[in-house]
Amino acid sequence: MCFASYNTLVQGIVECGLGIANRTLNTLAESTSELESINYGMVTATESSVKEMLKGVKVEAGDEEDCMICLEELKVGFEALRMPSSHAFHGDCIEKWLMQSHYCPIYRYEMQTD
């Protein structure tokens, strides 16, 4: 085979592969964007139910537990937020969670939705 023909063939294969890769990446990006926009079917808790149902509690000796969202320990003296299901979390963790889902991340206790 002629060297020029070989180079042309290789260049065609590379361009075809790059085209397939670009189309695949575009499809994946669109799919990811679509899934993020529909929030995976989850419904957020209402702001009023979050304020009404989350109670601030001070972690006391013997009551230490882990925040089951970030998996870090709730240390003695820390001001945590407790769900009606009795599970305690870091305030930032549970508030962020409830902006995505209206369920307790452990017990599936259902908060009010819009």
N, C-alpha and C. Protein backbone atom coordinates (compact mmCIF):
# COMPACT_ATOMS: atom_id res chain seq x y z
N MET A 1 0.85 -1.17 0.00
CA MET A 1 0.00 0.00 0.00
C MET A 1 0.90 1.24 0.00
N CYS A 2 0.46 2.23 -0.69
CA CYS A 2 1.18 3.51 -0.80
C CYS A 2 1.14 4.23 0.54
N PHE A 3 2.26 4.86 0.91
CA PHE A 3 2.37 5.59 2.18
C PHE A 3 1.30 6.66 2.30
N ALA A 4 1.00 7.41 1.23
CA ALA A 4 -0.01 8.48 1.25
C ALA A 4 -1.39 7.88 1.50
N SER A 5 -1.69 6.75 0.89
CA SER A 5 -3.00 6.10 1.09
C SER A 5 -3.13 5.61 2.54
N TYR A 6 -2.04 5.07 3.07
CA TYR A 6 -2.03 4.59 4.45
C TYR A 6 -2.31 5.74 5.41
N ASN A 7 -1.64 6.87 5.24
CA ASN A 7 -1.85 8.04 6.10
C ASN A 7 -3.28 8.55 5.99
N THR A 8 -3.83 8.55 4.78
CA THR A 8 -5.20 9.00 4.57
C THR A 8 -6.18 8.07 5.30
N LEU A 9 -5.92 6.75 5.22
CA LEU A 9 -6.77 5.76 5.88
C LEU A 9 -6.72 5.95 7.40
N VAL A 10 -5.52 6.08 7.96
CA VAL A 10 -5.36 6.28 9.41
C VAL A 10 -6.04 7.57 9.85
N GLN A 11 -5.85 8.63 9.09
CA GLN A 11 -6.47 9.91 9.43
C GLN A 11 -7.99 9.78 9.41
N GLY A 12 -8.55 9.07 8.46
CA GLY A 12 -10.00 8.85 8.40
C GLY A 12 -10.51 8.08 9.60
N ILE A 13 -9.76 7.05 10.01
CA ILE A 13 -10.15 6.25 11.18
C ILE A 13 -10.12 7.11 12.44
N VAL A 14 -9.07 7.90 12.62
CA VAL A 14 -8.95 8.77 13.79
C VAL A 14 -10.09 9.78 13.82
N GLU A 15 -10.40 10.41 12.70
CA GLU A 15 -11.48 11.40 12.63
C GLU A 15 -12.83 10.75 12.93
N CYS A 16 -13.03 9.55 12.42
CA CYS A 16 -14.28 8.84 12.70
C CYS A 16 -14.40 8.54 14.20
N GLY A 17 -13.30 8.06 14.80
CA GLY A 17 -13.30 7.77 16.24
C GLY A 17 -13.55 9.01 17.08
N LEU A 18 -12.93 10.11 16.71
CA LEU A 18 -13.15 11.37 17.44
C LEU A 18 -14.60 11.84 17.30
N GLY A 19 -15.17 11.67 16.12
CA GLY A 19 -16.57 12.05 15.92
C GLY A 19 -17.50 11.24 16.80
N ILE A 20 -17.25 9.91 16.87
CA ILE A 20 -18.07 9.04 17.73
C ILE A 20 -17.90 9.46 19.20
N ALA A 21 -16.67 9.71 19.63
CA ALA A 21 -16.41 10.11 21.01
C ALA A 21 -17.12 11.43 21.34
N ASN A 22 -17.06 12.39 20.45
CA ASN A 22 -17.73 13.68 20.69
C ASN A 22 -19.23 13.53 20.78
N ARG A 23 -19.83 12.73 19.90
CA ARG A 23 -21.28 12.51 19.95
C ARG A 23 -21.68 11.80 21.24
N THR A 24 -20.87 10.84 21.67
CA THR A 24 -21.14 10.12 22.91
C THR A 24 -21.07 11.06 24.10
N LEU A 25 -20.04 11.89 24.15
CA LEU A 25 -19.90 12.85 25.26
C LEU A 25 -21.05 13.84 25.29
N ASN A 26 -21.47 14.32 24.12
CA ASN A 26 -22.61 15.24 24.06
C ASN A 26 -23.88 14.58 24.56
N THR A 27 -24.10 13.32 24.18
CA THR A 27 -25.28 12.58 24.63
C THR A 27 -25.25 12.39 26.14
N LEU A 28 -24.09 12.03 26.69
CA LEU A 28 -23.96 11.86 28.14
C LEU A 28 -24.20 13.18 28.87
N ALA A 29 -23.68 14.27 28.35
CA ALA A 29 -23.87 15.58 28.98
C ALA A 29 -25.34 15.96 28.98
N GLU A 30 -26.03 15.70 27.88
CA GLU A 30 -27.46 16.01 27.81
C GLU A 30 -28.24 15.14 28.79
N SER A 31 -27.90 13.85 28.89
CA SER A 31 -28.58 12.94 29.81
C SER A 31 -28.37 13.37 31.25
N THR A 32 -27.13 13.73 31.60
CA THR A 32 -26.83 14.17 32.95
C THR A 32 -27.59 15.44 33.28
N SER A 33 -27.60 16.38 32.36
CA SER A 33 -28.31 17.63 32.56
C SER A 33 -29.81 17.38 32.75
N GLU A 34 -30.36 16.49 31.96
CA GLU A 34 -31.78 16.16 32.06
C GLU A 34 -32.10 15.53 33.40
N LEU A 35 -31.26 14.58 33.86
CA LEU A 35 -31.49 13.94 35.15
C LEU A 35 -31.39 14.95 36.29
N GLU A 36 -30.40 15.84 36.21
CA GLU A 36 -30.26 16.84 37.26
C GLU A 36 -31.45 17.79 37.28
N SER A 37 -31.98 18.11 36.13
CA SER A 37 -33.09 19.05 36.08
C SER A 37 -34.38 18.45 36.63
N ILE A 38 -34.54 17.13 36.53
CA ILE A 38 -35.75 16.52 37.07
C ILE A 38 -35.54 16.04 38.50
N ASN A 39 -34.32 16.24 39.03
CA ASN A 39 -34.00 15.96 40.42
C ASN A 39 -34.26 14.50 40.78
N TYR A 40 -34.07 13.61 39.82
CA TYR A 40 -34.20 12.17 40.04
C TYR A 40 -35.56 11.79 40.63
N GLY A 41 -36.59 12.57 40.36
CA GLY A 41 -37.93 12.27 40.84
C GLY A 41 -38.16 12.64 42.30
N MET A 42 -37.18 13.26 42.93
CA MET A 42 -37.32 13.60 44.34
C MET A 42 -38.10 14.91 44.49
N VAL A 43 -38.79 15.03 45.59
CA VAL A 43 -39.57 16.22 45.89
C VAL A 43 -38.99 16.85 47.14
N THR A 44 -38.80 18.17 47.11
CA THR A 44 -38.22 18.85 48.27
C THR A 44 -39.24 19.03 49.39
N ALA A 45 -38.74 19.15 50.59
CA ALA A 45 -39.59 19.47 51.73
C ALA A 45 -39.92 20.95 51.69
N THR A 46 -41.07 21.33 52.21
CA THR A 46 -41.41 22.75 52.24
C THR A 46 -40.55 23.44 53.30
N GLU A 47 -40.26 24.71 53.05
CA GLU A 47 -39.46 25.47 54.00
C GLU A 47 -40.17 25.55 55.35
N SER A 48 -41.49 25.67 55.32
CA SER A 48 -42.23 25.77 56.59
C SER A 48 -42.17 24.46 57.37
N SER A 49 -42.22 23.32 56.70
CA SER A 49 -42.14 22.05 57.43
C SER A 49 -40.75 21.83 57.99
N VAL A 50 -39.73 22.29 57.27
CA VAL A 50 -38.36 22.18 57.77
C VAL A 50 -38.22 23.00 59.05
N LYS A 51 -38.69 24.24 59.02
CA LYS A 51 -38.59 25.11 60.20
C LYS A 51 -39.42 24.56 61.36
N GLU A 52 -40.58 24.03 61.05
CA GLU A 52 -41.49 23.54 62.08
C GLU A 52 -41.03 22.21 62.69
N MET A 53 -40.50 21.33 61.88
CA MET A 53 -40.24 19.97 62.34
C MET A 53 -38.80 19.71 62.80
N LEU A 54 -37.83 20.46 62.31
CA LEU A 54 -36.46 20.25 62.76
C LEU A 54 -36.25 20.98 64.07
N LYS A 55 -35.77 20.29 65.05
CA LYS A 55 -35.54 20.87 66.37
C LYS A 55 -34.05 20.89 66.67
N GLY A 56 -33.58 22.02 67.16
CA GLY A 56 -32.18 22.13 67.58
C GLY A 56 -31.98 21.38 68.89
N VAL A 57 -30.94 20.55 68.94
CA VAL A 57 -30.62 19.80 70.16
C VAL A 57 -29.12 19.89 70.40
N LYS A 58 -28.73 19.97 71.65
CA LYS A 58 -27.31 19.97 72.01
C LYS A 58 -26.93 18.51 72.28
N VAL A 59 -25.87 18.05 71.62
CA VAL A 59 -25.40 16.68 71.81
C VAL A 59 -24.75 16.58 73.18
N GLU A 60 -25.22 15.63 73.96
CA GLU A 60 -24.71 15.45 75.31
C GLU A 60 -23.91 14.16 75.41
N ALA A 61 -23.12 14.04 76.47
CA ALA A 61 -22.32 12.84 76.68
C ALA A 61 -23.24 11.61 76.69
N GLY A 62 -22.86 10.60 75.95
CA GLY A 62 -23.66 9.39 75.84
C GLY A 62 -24.62 9.41 74.67
N ASP A 63 -24.88 10.60 74.12
CA ASP A 63 -25.79 10.73 72.98
C ASP A 63 -25.04 10.92 71.66
N GLU A 64 -23.71 10.77 71.69
CA GLU A 64 -22.95 10.96 70.47
C GLU A 64 -23.40 9.96 69.42
N GLU A 65 -23.49 10.42 68.22
CA GLU A 65 -23.79 9.57 67.08
C GLU A 65 -23.19 10.21 65.85
N ASP A 66 -23.24 9.52 64.74
CA ASP A 66 -22.72 10.06 63.50
C ASP A 66 -23.83 10.71 62.70
N CYS A 67 -23.51 11.79 62.03
CA CYS A 67 -24.42 12.38 61.05
C CYS A 67 -24.44 11.41 59.88
N MET A 68 -25.55 10.82 59.59
CA MET A 68 -25.62 9.78 58.57
C MET A 68 -25.63 10.33 57.15
N ILE A 69 -25.48 11.64 57.02
CA ILE A 69 -25.35 12.23 55.68
C ILE A 69 -23.87 12.37 55.35
N CYS A 70 -23.10 13.02 56.21
CA CYS A 70 -21.67 13.21 55.95
C CYS A 70 -20.80 12.16 56.64
N LEU A 71 -21.41 11.40 57.55
CA LEU A 71 -20.75 10.31 58.29
C LEU A 71 -19.72 10.79 59.32
N GLU A 72 -19.74 12.09 59.66
CA GLU A 72 -18.86 12.59 60.71
C GLU A 72 -19.60 12.57 62.04
N GLU A 73 -18.84 12.46 63.11
CA GLU A 73 -19.42 12.37 64.45
C GLU A 73 -20.05 13.68 64.88
N LEU A 74 -21.19 13.58 65.53
CA LEU A 74 -21.81 14.73 66.19
C LEU A 74 -21.21 14.75 67.60
N LYS A 75 -20.33 15.68 67.85
CA LYS A 75 -19.55 15.70 69.09
C LYS A 75 -20.33 16.33 70.24
N VAL A 76 -19.96 15.96 71.45
CA VAL A 76 -20.57 16.49 72.67
C VAL A 76 -20.49 18.01 72.63
N GLY A 77 -21.62 18.65 72.91
CA GLY A 77 -21.69 20.11 72.94
C GLY A 77 -22.12 20.71 71.61
N PHE A 78 -22.11 19.90 70.56
CA PHE A 78 -22.49 20.41 69.23
C PHE A 78 -24.00 20.62 69.17
N GLU A 79 -24.42 21.70 68.51
CA GLU A 79 -25.84 22.00 68.30
C GLU A 79 -26.27 21.34 66.99
N ALA A 80 -26.98 20.22 67.08
CA ALA A 80 -27.43 19.47 65.91
C ALA A 80 -28.90 19.75 65.64
N LEU A 81 -29.39 19.30 64.51
CA LEU A 81 -30.83 19.37 64.22
C LEU A 81 -31.40 17.96 64.23
N ARG A 82 -32.54 17.80 64.90
CA ARG A 82 -33.17 16.49 65.03
C ARG A 82 -34.46 16.45 64.21
N MET A 83 -34.60 15.39 63.43
CA MET A 83 -35.82 15.16 62.64
C MET A 83 -36.91 14.60 63.57
N PRO A 84 -38.17 14.68 63.16
CA PRO A 84 -39.23 14.06 63.95
C PRO A 84 -39.02 12.55 64.12
N SER A 85 -38.22 11.96 63.25
CA SER A 85 -37.91 10.53 63.35
C SER A 85 -36.88 10.25 64.44
N SER A 86 -36.41 11.30 65.16
CA SER A 86 -35.43 11.25 66.25
C SER A 86 -33.99 11.14 65.77
N HIS A 87 -33.73 11.18 64.49
CA HIS A 87 -32.36 11.14 64.00
C HIS A 87 -31.78 12.55 63.97
N ALA A 88 -30.53 12.69 64.43
CA ALA A 88 -29.88 13.99 64.48
C ALA A 88 -28.82 14.10 63.38
N PHE A 89 -28.64 15.32 62.89
CA PHE A 89 -27.71 15.59 61.80
C PHE A 89 -27.05 16.94 62.00
N HIS A 90 -25.95 17.17 61.31
CA HIS A 90 -25.42 18.53 61.22
C HIS A 90 -26.48 19.38 60.53
N GLY A 91 -26.67 20.60 60.98
CA GLY A 91 -27.70 21.47 60.40
C GLY A 91 -27.53 21.66 58.91
N ASP A 92 -26.31 21.97 58.47
CA ASP A 92 -26.07 22.18 57.04
C ASP A 92 -26.38 20.92 56.24
N CYS A 93 -26.02 19.77 56.79
CA CYS A 93 -26.23 18.50 56.07
C CYS A 93 -27.72 18.22 55.86
N ILE A 94 -28.52 18.31 56.93
CA ILE A 94 -29.94 17.96 56.79
C ILE A 94 -30.69 19.01 55.99
N GLU A 95 -30.31 20.28 56.12
CA GLU A 95 -30.99 21.30 55.33
C GLU A 95 -30.70 21.12 53.83
N LYS A 96 -29.48 20.80 53.50
CA LYS A 96 -29.13 20.54 52.09
C LYS A 96 -29.87 19.30 51.60
N TRP A 97 -29.93 18.27 52.43
CA TRP A 97 -30.64 17.04 52.07
C TRP A 97 -32.11 17.34 51.77
N LEU A 98 -32.75 18.11 52.65
CA LEU A 98 -34.18 18.38 52.51
C LEU A 98 -34.49 19.32 51.34
N MET A 99 -33.46 19.99 50.80
CA MET A 99 -33.67 20.76 49.58
C MET A 99 -33.71 19.83 48.36
N GLN A 100 -33.30 18.57 48.56
CA GLN A 100 -33.31 17.58 47.50
C GLN A 100 -34.43 16.54 47.68
N SER A 101 -34.72 16.20 48.92
CA SER A 101 -35.68 15.13 49.21
C SER A 101 -36.46 15.47 50.47
N HIS A 102 -37.72 15.06 50.51
CA HIS A 102 -38.55 15.34 51.68
C HIS A 102 -38.58 14.17 52.67
N TYR A 103 -37.68 13.21 52.50
CA TYR A 103 -37.61 12.06 53.40
C TYR A 103 -36.41 12.15 54.33
N CYS A 104 -36.57 11.63 55.55
CA CYS A 104 -35.43 11.45 56.44
C CYS A 104 -34.49 10.48 55.73
N PRO A 105 -33.19 10.77 55.69
CA PRO A 105 -32.27 9.90 54.98
C PRO A 105 -32.10 8.52 55.61
N ILE A 106 -32.59 8.32 56.82
CA ILE A 106 -32.44 7.02 57.48
C ILE A 106 -33.76 6.27 57.54
N TYR A 107 -34.76 6.90 58.12
CA TYR A 107 -36.01 6.22 58.44
C TYR A 107 -37.08 6.41 57.36
N ARG A 108 -36.83 7.32 56.43
CA ARG A 108 -37.78 7.65 55.37
C ARG A 108 -39.02 8.36 55.93
N TYR A 109 -38.89 9.01 57.11
CA TYR A 109 -39.98 9.83 57.61
C TYR A 109 -40.25 10.91 56.56
N GLU A 110 -41.51 11.12 56.24
CA GLU A 110 -41.88 12.01 55.15
C GLU A 110 -42.24 13.41 55.67
N MET A 111 -41.50 14.41 55.19
CA MET A 111 -41.79 15.80 55.51
C MET A 111 -42.84 16.30 54.54
N GLN A 112 -43.50 17.41 54.86
CA GLN A 112 -44.50 17.99 53.98
C GLN A 112 -43.83 18.53 52.72
N THR A 113 -44.56 18.44 51.60
CA THR A 113 -44.08 18.98 50.33
C THR A 113 -45.09 20.02 49.83
N ASP A 114 -44.68 20.74 48.78
CA ASP A 114 -45.59 21.75 48.20
C ASP A 114 -46.83 21.14 47.61
